[in-house]
Amino acid sequence: MKIISKNIRHLRSLKALSQERLADDLNVTRSRIGSYEENRSSPTLEFLIDFSNYFKIPIDILLKNDLTKTKDISFIEVGSKRVLFPITVDDENENLIEVVSAKTSAGYLLGYDDPEYIEQLEKIKLPFLPTGKHRAFPIKGDSMLPMKDGSYVVAEFVENITDVKNGTSYIIVTKNDGMTYKRVYNQIEEKGSLLLKPDNKEYQSYEVPLEEVLELWKFTCSINTQEYEEHELKLSSIMQMFNGLGVELKQLEKSLKMS
C-alpha cells in the first residue's frame, strides 16, 4: 500500500490542506490521516471511497498510479468517466511531453484515456513551451500543407472545447474518425458542432458534432520534415529534432536578454 500512502500525502499537499483540515472534511481523526500517510496502517474501503469522492479521483487510479510524479492532477470528462490527465515532470521539476509516434498513433483512440498507454509513450522536455499540458502528434496526409506527412505538431490540451478560437489549427480526436489536424471554427451555439477546414484547397471542409469530440489540442509548434528523407524519420531522429529546437530557442532567449 506504499503508493496510496504517498498519494494521500501528495494530493493533500497539492490542495494545500493540513492533516487536520483534511481529517475534518472527511470526518476522521488527524492521527488517522497521519497513519495512512506514513504507511503505518492501510486505509479502509470506506475511507478510500470518501477520499476518492473528495478529490474526484477514481479509486483504481489512487491505488495503481504514483501521482507524486506530477505537479498537477487534472482530469477530462469522457461521458460519465473521469480520466487521469497528469502533467508529468522530470527530476528538475520541468514539464515533460509525450510523443505519440506514427507507430503508437494507431492505438491512440483506444489508449488516450488509459494511463498505462500514456505511460509507455516516449517523453521529451521542451523548456520553451508555455504553461499547460502538451503532447506531440504525427501528421498524416497533406490536407494541411505545407505540413508534410510524417511531420510532428506539439499542441496544448484544451480543457473546454467551447474555448476554441476560430481559424486556429488544432489536433482533434473524435470517436469515429480518430485523430486529425485541421483549422477549426466554432459552430457550437448554432449547430452544436465544430467546422474542420483543411489548408489544402483540394480537400473539403466538414462538420463534427460536439458529442463526437473526445479531445482538442491547440497548435503550439511543429517540426516540418520536408527536408528529410523517409528513412531518416525514425522516432529517435524526431526526438533529436525537438530537443535541438528547444536548445536553439533557449539560446535565442539568452541572446535577446543580453542585447
C-alpha atoms as a PDB file:
ATOM      1  CA  MET A   1       0.000   0.000   0.000  1.00  0.00           C
ATOM      2  CA  LYS A   2       3.049   2.284  -0.338  1.00  0.00           C
ATOM      3  CA  ILE A   3       1.603   4.077  -3.387  1.00  0.00           C
ATOM      4  CA  ILE A   4      -1.684   5.017  -1.716  1.00  0.00           C
ATOM      5  CA  SER A   5       0.223   6.436   1.281  1.00  0.00           C
ATOM      6  CA  LYS A   6       2.318   8.626  -0.999  1.00  0.00           C
ATOM      7  CA  ASN A   7      -0.765   9.651  -2.994  1.00  0.00           C
ATOM      8  CA  ILE A   8      -2.748  10.680   0.079  1.00  0.00           C
ATOM      9  CA  ARG A   9       0.103  12.897   1.256  1.00  0.00           C
ATOM     10  CA  HIS A  10       0.745  14.315  -2.243  1.00  0.00           C
ATOM     11  CA  LEU A  11      -2.887  15.149  -3.014  1.00  0.00           C
ATOM     12  CA  ARG A  12      -3.322  16.811   0.362  1.00  0.00           C
ATOM     13  CA  SER A  13      -0.203  18.915  -0.325  1.00  0.00           C
ATOM     14  CA  LEU A  14      -1.410  19.884  -3.789  1.00  0.00           C
ATOM     15  CA  LYS A  15      -4.586  21.248  -2.231  1.00  0.00           C
ATOM     16  CA  ALA A  16      -2.538  22.993   0.494  1.00  0.00           C
ATOM     17  CA  LEU A  17      -4.538  21.206   3.175  1.00  0.00           C
ATOM     18  CA  SER A  18      -3.303  20.450   6.669  1.00  0.00           C
ATOM     19  CA  GLN A  19      -3.823  16.955   8.031  1.00  0.00           C
ATOM     20  CA  GLU A  20      -6.306  18.443  10.498  1.00  0.00           C
ATOM     21  CA  ARG A  21      -8.322  20.190   7.762  1.00  0.00           C
ATOM     22  CA  LEU A  22      -8.488  17.051   5.602  1.00  0.00           C
ATOM     23  CA  ALA A  23      -9.446  14.965   8.624  1.00  0.00           C
ATOM     24  CA  ASP A  24     -12.285  17.381   9.463  1.00  0.00           C
ATOM     25  CA  ASP A  25     -13.551  17.356   5.868  1.00  0.00           C
ATOM     26  CA  LEU A  26     -13.541  13.547   5.781  1.00  0.00           C
ATOM     27  CA  ASN A  27     -14.886  13.202   9.326  1.00  0.00           C
ATOM     28  CA  VAL A  28     -11.920  11.190  10.617  1.00  0.00           C
ATOM     29  CA  THR A  29      -9.163  11.930  13.159  1.00  0.00           C
ATOM     30  CA  ARG A  30      -5.941  13.726  12.264  1.00  0.00           C
ATOM     31  CA  SER A  31      -3.905  10.812  13.627  1.00  0.00           C
ATOM     32  CA  ARG A  32      -5.687   8.520  11.178  1.00  0.00           C
ATOM     33  CA  ILE A  33      -4.603  10.688   8.255  1.00  0.00           C
ATOM     34  CA  GLY A  34      -1.046  10.676   9.609  1.00  0.00           C
ATOM     35  CA  SER A  35      -1.102   6.906   9.984  1.00  0.00           C
ATOM     36  CA  TYR A  36      -2.174   6.443   6.368  1.00  0.00           C
ATOM     37  CA  GLU A  37       0.375   8.920   5.021  1.00  0.00           C
ATOM     38  CA  GLU A  38       3.214   7.293   6.970  1.00  0.00           C
ATOM     39  CA  ASN A  39       2.102   3.824   5.827  1.00  0.00           C
ATOM     40  CA  ARG A  40       1.624   2.648   9.411  1.00  0.00           C
ATOM     41  CA  SER A  41      -1.833   1.341   8.557  1.00  0.00           C
ATOM     42  CA  SER A  42      -3.870   0.671   5.430  1.00  0.00           C
ATOM     43  CA  PRO A  43      -6.843   2.877   4.527  1.00  0.00           C
ATOM     44  CA  THR A  44     -10.247   1.248   4.945  1.00  0.00           C
ATOM     45  CA  LEU A  45     -12.521   0.804   1.961  1.00  0.00           C
ATOM     46  CA  GLU A  46     -14.895   3.367   3.461  1.00  0.00           C
ATOM     47  CA  PHE A  47     -12.071   5.916   3.714  1.00  0.00           C
ATOM     48  CA  LEU A  48     -10.925   5.228   0.130  1.00  0.00           C
ATOM     49  CA  ILE A  49     -14.446   5.857  -1.161  1.00  0.00           C
ATOM     50  CA  ASP A  50     -14.724   9.123   0.778  1.00  0.00           C
ATOM     51  CA  PHE A  51     -11.208  10.193  -0.233  1.00  0.00           C
ATOM     52  CA  SER A  52     -11.940   9.334  -3.884  1.00  0.00           C
ATOM     53  CA  ASN A  53     -15.143  11.388  -3.844  1.00  0.00           C
ATOM     54  CA  TYR A  54     -13.428  14.291  -2.064  1.00  0.00           C
ATOM     55  CA  PHE A  55     -10.654  14.629  -4.659  1.00  0.00           C
ATOM     56  CA  LYS A  56     -12.840  13.361  -7.519  1.00  0.00           C
ATOM     57  CA  ILE A  57     -10.263  10.737  -8.459  1.00  0.00           C
ATOM     58  CA  PRO A  58     -11.188   7.096  -9.234  1.00  0.00           C
ATOM     59  CA  ILE A  59     -10.059   4.618  -6.570  1.00  0.00           C
ATOM     60  CA  ASP A  60      -8.210   2.427  -9.103  1.00  0.00           C
ATOM     61  CA  ILE A  61      -6.035   5.407 -10.095  1.00  0.00           C
ATOM     62  CA  LEU A  62      -5.262   6.148  -6.448  1.00  0.00           C
ATOM     63  CA  LEU A  63      -4.179   2.532  -5.911  1.00  0.00           C
ATOM     64  CA  LYS A  64      -2.304   1.877  -9.175  1.00  0.00           C
ATOM     65  CA  ASN A  65      -0.615   5.176 -10.122  1.00  0.00           C
ATOM     66  CA  ASP A  66       2.165   7.065  -8.395  1.00  0.00           C
ATOM     67  CA  LEU A  67       0.704  10.575  -8.518  1.00  0.00           C
ATOM     68  CA  THR A  68       3.776  12.112  -6.876  1.00  0.00           C
ATOM     69  CA  LYS A  69       5.361  12.228 -10.343  1.00  0.00           C
ATOM     70  CA  THR A  70       3.020  15.075 -11.205  1.00  0.00           C
ATOM     71  CA  LYS A  71       2.846  18.656 -10.065  1.00  0.00           C
ATOM     72  CA  ASP A  72      -0.784  18.948 -11.073  1.00  0.00           C
ATOM     73  CA  ILE A  73      -3.639  16.442 -11.163  1.00  0.00           C
ATOM     74  CA  SER A  74      -6.092  17.176 -13.950  1.00  0.00           C
ATOM     75  CA  PHE A  75      -8.927  15.163 -15.412  1.00  0.00           C
ATOM     76  CA  ILE A  76     -11.060  15.200 -18.504  1.00  0.00           C
ATOM     77  CA  GLU A  77     -14.636  14.013 -18.741  1.00  0.00           C
ATOM     78  CA  VAL A  78     -15.394  11.188 -21.167  1.00  0.00           C
ATOM     79  CA  GLY A  79     -19.110  10.539 -20.789  1.00  0.00           C
ATOM     80  CA  SER A  80     -19.575   9.778 -17.111  1.00  0.00           C
ATOM     81  CA  LYS A  81     -15.972   8.643 -16.724  1.00  0.00           C
ATOM     82  CA  ARG A  82     -13.196  10.813 -15.293  1.00  0.00           C
ATOM     83  CA  VAL A  83      -9.818  10.160 -16.891  1.00  0.00           C
ATOM     84  CA  LEU A  84      -6.452  10.903 -15.300  1.00  0.00           C
ATOM     85  CA  PHE A  85      -4.572  13.612 -17.154  1.00  0.00           C
ATOM     86  CA  PRO A  86      -1.393  14.395 -15.217  1.00  0.00           C
ATOM     87  CA  ILE A  87       1.310  16.911 -16.113  1.00  0.00           C
ATOM     88  CA  THR A  88       4.470  14.840 -15.692  1.00  0.00           C
ATOM     89  CA  VAL A  89       7.751  16.401 -14.643  1.00  0.00           C
ATOM     90  CA  ASP A  90      11.399  15.349 -14.614  1.00  0.00           C
ATOM     91  CA  ASP A  91      13.873  15.406 -11.712  1.00  0.00           C
ATOM     92  CA  GLU A  92      14.314  19.161 -12.192  1.00  0.00           C
ATOM     93  CA  ASN A  93      10.528  19.710 -11.901  1.00  0.00           C
ATOM     94  CA  GLU A  94      10.251  20.698 -15.580  1.00  0.00           C
ATOM     95  CA  ASN A  95       7.309  19.588 -17.709  1.00  0.00           C
ATOM     96  CA  LEU A  96       7.651  16.537 -19.937  1.00  0.00           C
ATOM     97  CA  ILE A  97       5.532  15.962 -23.020  1.00  0.00           C
ATOM     98  CA  GLU A  98       4.537  12.630 -24.517  1.00  0.00           C
ATOM     99  CA  VAL A  99       5.351  11.877 -28.157  1.00  0.00           C
ATOM    100  CA  VAL A 100       2.680   9.898 -29.986  1.00  0.00           C
ATOM    101  CA  SER A 101       4.760   8.224 -32.688  1.00  0.00           C
ATOM    102  CA  ALA A 102       3.323   7.116 -36.025  1.00  0.00           C
ATOM    103  CA  LYS A 103       3.503   3.546 -34.708  1.00  0.00           C
ATOM    104  CA  THR A 104       1.640   4.249 -31.459  1.00  0.00           C
ATOM    105  CA  SER A 105      -0.879   6.625 -33.067  1.00  0.00           C
ATOM    106  CA  ALA A 106      -2.860   3.656 -34.388  1.00  0.00           C
ATOM    107  CA  GLY A 107      -3.808   2.784 -30.818  1.00  0.00           C
ATOM    108  CA  TYR A 108      -4.360   6.337 -29.587  1.00  0.00           C
ATOM    109  CA  LEU A 109      -8.154   6.238 -29.918  1.00  0.00           C
ATOM    110  CA  LEU A 110      -8.229   3.186 -27.653  1.00  0.00           C
ATOM    111  CA  GLY A 111      -5.460   4.308 -25.315  1.00  0.00           C
ATOM    112  CA  TYR A 112      -5.799   8.081 -24.928  1.00  0.00           C
ATOM    113  CA  ASP A 113      -7.673   7.607 -21.620  1.00  0.00           C
ATOM    114  CA  ASP A 114      -5.509   4.693 -20.430  1.00  0.00           C
ATOM    115  CA  PRO A 115      -2.697   5.762 -18.050  1.00  0.00           C
ATOM    116  CA  GLU A 116      -0.699   2.649 -18.983  1.00  0.00           C
ATOM    117  CA  TYR A 117      -0.792   3.540 -22.694  1.00  0.00           C
ATOM    118  CA  ILE A 118       0.265   7.132 -21.993  1.00  0.00           C
ATOM    119  CA  GLU A 119       2.991   5.957 -19.613  1.00  0.00           C
ATOM    120  CA  GLN A 120       4.699   3.864 -22.323  1.00  0.00           C
ATOM    121  CA  LEU A 121       4.954   6.785 -24.776  1.00  0.00           C
ATOM    122  CA  GLU A 122       8.352   8.392 -25.317  1.00  0.00           C
ATOM    123  CA  LYS A 123       8.771  11.679 -23.425  1.00  0.00           C
ATOM    124  CA  ILE A 124      10.814  14.781 -24.143  1.00  0.00           C
ATOM    125  CA  LYS A 125      11.458  18.101 -22.409  1.00  0.00           C
ATOM    126  CA  LEU A 126      10.852  21.354 -24.275  1.00  0.00           C
ATOM    127  CA  PRO A 127      11.637  24.187 -21.812  1.00  0.00           C
ATOM    128  CA  PHE A 128      10.329  26.900 -24.137  1.00  0.00           C
ATOM    129  CA  LEU A 129       6.706  25.711 -24.056  1.00  0.00           C
ATOM    130  CA  PRO A 130       4.100  27.879 -22.315  1.00  0.00           C
ATOM    131  CA  THR A 131       2.340  26.643 -19.188  1.00  0.00           C
ATOM    132  CA  GLY A 132      -0.132  23.841 -19.871  1.00  0.00           C
ATOM    133  CA  LYS A 133      -0.334  20.195 -20.846  1.00  0.00           C
ATOM    134  CA  HIS A 134       1.329  19.488 -24.203  1.00  0.00           C
ATOM    135  CA  ARG A 135       1.655  16.407 -26.388  1.00  0.00           C
ATOM    136  CA  ALA A 136       3.363  15.776 -29.735  1.00  0.00           C
ATOM    137  CA  PHE A 137       1.359  14.181 -32.575  1.00  0.00           C
ATOM    138  CA  PRO A 138       2.369  12.867 -36.017  1.00  0.00           C
ATOM    139  CA  ILE A 139       0.648  14.413 -39.049  1.00  0.00           C
ATOM    140  CA  LYS A 140      -0.838  12.140 -41.697  1.00  0.00           C
ATOM    141  CA  GLY A 141      -1.616  13.158 -45.279  1.00  0.00           C
ATOM    142  CA  ASP A 142      -1.286  16.550 -46.944  1.00  0.00           C
ATOM    143  CA  SER A 143      -4.539  18.296 -46.037  1.00  0.00           C
ATOM    144  CA  MET A 144      -2.647  20.924 -44.020  1.00  0.00           C
ATOM    145  CA  LEU A 145       0.113  21.890 -46.463  1.00  0.00           C
ATOM    146  CA  PRO A 146       2.870  22.982 -46.209  1.00  0.00           C
ATOM    147  CA  MET A 147       2.889  20.500 -43.297  1.00  0.00           C
ATOM    148  CA  LYS A 148       4.194  17.268 -44.759  1.00  0.00           C
ATOM    149  CA  ASP A 149       3.009  13.745 -43.987  1.00  0.00           C
ATOM    150  CA  GLY A 150       5.094  12.483 -41.060  1.00  0.00           C
ATOM    151  CA  SER A 151       5.719  15.917 -39.540  1.00  0.00           C
ATOM    152  CA  TYR A 152       5.029  16.450 -35.858  1.00  0.00           C
ATOM    153  CA  VAL A 153       2.827  19.014 -34.138  1.00  0.00           C
ATOM    154  CA  VAL A 154       3.213  19.905 -30.471  1.00  0.00           C
ATOM    155  CA  ALA A 155      -0.140  21.041 -29.141  1.00  0.00           C
ATOM    156  CA  GLU A 156      -1.649  22.193 -25.843  1.00  0.00           C
ATOM    157  CA  PHE A 157      -4.630  20.394 -24.345  1.00  0.00           C
ATOM    158  CA  VAL A 158      -7.866  22.423 -24.397  1.00  0.00           C
ATOM    159  CA  GLU A 159      -9.952  21.696 -21.306  1.00  0.00           C
ATOM    160  CA  ASN A 160     -13.101  23.453 -22.509  1.00  0.00           C
ATOM    161  CA  ILE A 161     -13.991  22.804 -26.154  1.00  0.00           C
ATOM    162  CA  THR A 162     -16.162  25.919 -26.237  1.00  0.00           C
ATOM    163  CA  ASP A 163     -12.928  27.942 -25.892  1.00  0.00           C
ATOM    164  CA  VAL A 164     -11.909  27.043 -29.458  1.00  0.00           C
ATOM    165  CA  LYS A 165     -10.564  30.050 -31.369  1.00  0.00           C
ATOM    166  CA  ASN A 166     -11.867  30.387 -34.919  1.00  0.00           C
ATOM    167  CA  GLY A 167      -9.276  29.867 -37.615  1.00  0.00           C
ATOM    168  CA  THR A 168      -6.720  28.316 -35.260  1.00  0.00           C
ATOM    169  CA  SER A 169      -5.299  24.880 -36.056  1.00  0.00           C
ATOM    170  CA  TYR A 170      -5.923  22.015 -33.671  1.00  0.00           C
ATOM    171  CA  ILE A 171      -5.377  18.295 -33.247  1.00  0.00           C
ATOM    172  CA  ILE A 172      -8.891  16.857 -32.946  1.00  0.00           C
ATOM    173  CA  VAL A 173      -9.582  13.363 -31.604  1.00  0.00           C
ATOM    174  CA  THR A 174     -13.053  12.045 -32.473  1.00  0.00           C
ATOM    175  CA  LYS A 175     -14.918   8.838 -31.704  1.00  0.00           C
ATOM    176  CA  ASN A 176     -15.383   7.763 -35.322  1.00  0.00           C
ATOM    177  CA  ASP A 177     -12.508   9.340 -37.257  1.00  0.00           C
ATOM    178  CA  GLY A 178      -9.708   9.137 -34.724  1.00  0.00           C
ATOM    179  CA  MET A 179      -7.023  11.808 -34.805  1.00  0.00           C
ATOM    180  CA  THR A 180      -6.804  14.617 -37.365  1.00  0.00           C
ATOM    181  CA  TYR A 181      -5.144  18.025 -37.723  1.00  0.00           C
ATOM    182  CA  LYS A 182      -7.285  20.862 -39.102  1.00  0.00           C
ATOM    183  CA  ARG A 183      -8.170  24.533 -38.784  1.00  0.00           C
ATOM    184  CA  VAL A 184     -11.240  24.747 -36.533  1.00  0.00           C
ATOM    185  CA  TYR A 185     -14.263  27.066 -36.407  1.00  0.00           C
ATOM    186  CA  ASN A 186     -16.761  27.209 -33.548  1.00  0.00           C
ATOM    187  CA  GLN A 187     -20.356  26.364 -34.573  1.00  0.00           C
ATOM    188  CA  ILE A 188     -21.438  25.086 -31.188  1.00  0.00           C
ATOM    189  CA  GLU A 189     -24.199  27.598 -30.485  1.00  0.00           C
ATOM    190  CA  GLU A 190     -25.688  27.494 -33.996  1.00  0.00           C
ATOM    191  CA  LYS A 191     -25.231  23.826 -34.940  1.00  0.00           C
ATOM    192  CA  GLY A 192     -23.740  22.028 -31.948  1.00  0.00           C
ATOM    193  CA  SER A 193     -20.638  21.206 -33.976  1.00  0.00           C
ATOM    194  CA  LEU A 194     -17.122  22.215 -34.960  1.00  0.00           C
ATOM    195  CA  LEU A 195     -16.230  23.040 -38.561  1.00  0.00           C
ATOM    196  CA  LEU A 196     -12.931  21.444 -39.606  1.00  0.00           C
ATOM    197  CA  LYS A 197     -11.251  23.168 -42.510  1.00  0.00           C
ATOM    198  CA  PRO A 198      -8.084  21.934 -44.282  1.00  0.00           C
ATOM    199  CA  ASP A 199      -5.494  24.421 -45.575  1.00  0.00           C
ATOM    200  CA  ASN A 200      -5.082  22.368 -48.757  1.00  0.00           C
ATOM    201  CA  LYS A 201      -7.837  23.622 -51.103  1.00  0.00           C
ATOM    202  CA  GLU A 202      -8.127  20.186 -52.697  1.00  0.00           C
ATOM    203  CA  TYR A 203      -9.839  18.915 -49.550  1.00  0.00           C
ATOM    204  CA  GLN A 204     -13.359  19.740 -48.364  1.00  0.00           C
ATOM    205  CA  SER A 205     -14.308  21.205 -45.013  1.00  0.00           C
ATOM    206  CA  TYR A 206     -16.600  19.118 -42.829  1.00  0.00           C
ATOM    207  CA  GLU A 207     -18.503  19.324 -39.547  1.00  0.00           C
ATOM    208  CA  VAL A 208     -18.024  17.210 -36.436  1.00  0.00           C
ATOM    209  CA  PRO A 209     -20.836  17.037 -33.833  1.00  0.00           C
ATOM    210  CA  LEU A 210     -19.675  18.167 -30.419  1.00  0.00           C
ATOM    211  CA  GLU A 211     -20.574  14.824 -28.842  1.00  0.00           C
ATOM    212  CA  GLU A 212     -18.115  13.119 -31.203  1.00  0.00           C
ATOM    213  CA  VAL A 213     -15.141  15.157 -29.975  1.00  0.00           C
ATOM    214  CA  LEU A 214     -13.019  13.350 -27.382  1.00  0.00           C
ATOM    215  CA  GLU A 215     -10.002  15.649 -27.197  1.00  0.00           C
ATOM    216  CA  LEU A 216      -8.922  19.010 -28.599  1.00  0.00           C
ATOM    217  CA  TRP A 217      -5.279  20.166 -28.706  1.00  0.00           C
ATOM    218  CA  LYS A 218      -4.264  23.674 -29.800  1.00  0.00           C
ATOM    219  CA  PHE A 219      -1.222  24.047 -32.069  1.00  0.00           C
ATOM    220  CA  THR A 220       1.911  25.317 -30.311  1.00  0.00           C
ATOM    221  CA  CYS A 221       4.821  24.463 -32.624  1.00  0.00           C
ATOM    222  CA  SER A 222       5.872  21.884 -35.199  1.00  0.00           C
ATOM    223  CA  ILE A 223       8.756  20.027 -36.773  1.00  0.00           C
ATOM    224  CA  ASN A 224       8.298  20.091 -40.543  1.00  0.00           C
ATOM    225  CA  THR A 225      10.026  17.149 -42.202  1.00  0.00           C
ATOM    226  CA  GLN A 226      10.024  18.310 -45.822  1.00  0.00           C
ATOM    227  CA  GLU A 227      13.806  18.429 -45.942  1.00  0.00           C
ATOM    228  CA  TYR A 228      14.199  14.864 -44.649  1.00  0.00           C
ATOM    229  CA  GLU A 229      14.063  11.561 -46.463  1.00  0.00           C
ATOM    230  CA  GLU A 230      11.591   8.925 -45.266  1.00  0.00           C
ATOM    231  CA  HIS A 231      14.322   6.620 -43.950  1.00  0.00           C
ATOM    232  CA  GLU A 232      15.613   9.469 -41.747  1.00  0.00           C
ATOM    233  CA  LEU A 233      12.302   9.921 -39.939  1.00  0.00           C
ATOM    234  CA  LYS A 234      12.759   7.418 -37.150  1.00  0.00           C
ATOM    235  CA  LEU A 235      11.371   8.295 -33.732  1.00  0.00           C
ATOM    236  CA  SER A 236      14.898   8.808 -32.386  1.00  0.00           C
ATOM    237  CA  SER A 237      15.550  11.355 -35.147  1.00  0.00           C
ATOM    238  CA  ILE A 238      12.290  13.180 -34.395  1.00  0.00           C
ATOM    239  CA  MET A 239      13.233  13.333 -30.710  1.00  0.00           C
ATOM    240  CA  GLN A 240      16.612  14.851 -31.610  1.00  0.00           C
ATOM    241  CA  MET A 241      14.881  17.467 -33.784  1.00  0.00           C
ATOM    242  CA  PHE A 242      12.576  18.508 -30.938  1.00  0.00           C
ATOM    243  CA  ASN A 243      15.404  18.643 -28.439  1.00  0.00           C
ATOM    244  CA  GLY A 244      17.501  20.621 -30.909  1.00  0.00           C
ATOM    245  CA  LEU A 245      14.652  23.080 -31.353  1.00  0.00           C
ATOM    246  CA  GLY A 246      14.462  23.546 -27.607  1.00  0.00           C
ATOM    247  CA  VAL A 247      18.194  24.222 -27.337  1.00  0.00           C
ATOM    248  CA  GLU A 248      18.106  26.716 -30.229  1.00  0.00           C
ATOM    249  CA  LEU A 249      15.219  28.677 -28.746  1.00  0.00           C
ATOM    250  CA  LYS A 250      16.771  28.755 -25.279  1.00  0.00           C
ATOM    251  CA  GLN A 251      19.987  30.143 -26.789  1.00  0.00           C
ATOM    252  CA  LEU A 252      17.960  32.746 -28.697  1.00  0.00           C
ATOM    253  CA  GLU A 253      16.194  33.731 -25.483  1.00  0.00           C
ATOM    254  CA  LYS A 254      19.548  34.236 -23.727  1.00  0.00           C
ATOM    255  CA  SER A 255      20.869  36.316 -26.644  1.00  0.00           C
ATOM    256  CA  LEU A 256      17.812  38.590 -26.565  1.00  0.00           C
ATOM    257  CA  LYS A 257      18.181  39.138 -22.828  1.00  0.00           C
ATOM    258  CA  MET A 258      21.853  40.106 -23.253  1.00  0.00           C
ATOM    259  CA  SER A 259      21.220  42.501 -26.132  1.00  0.00           C
END
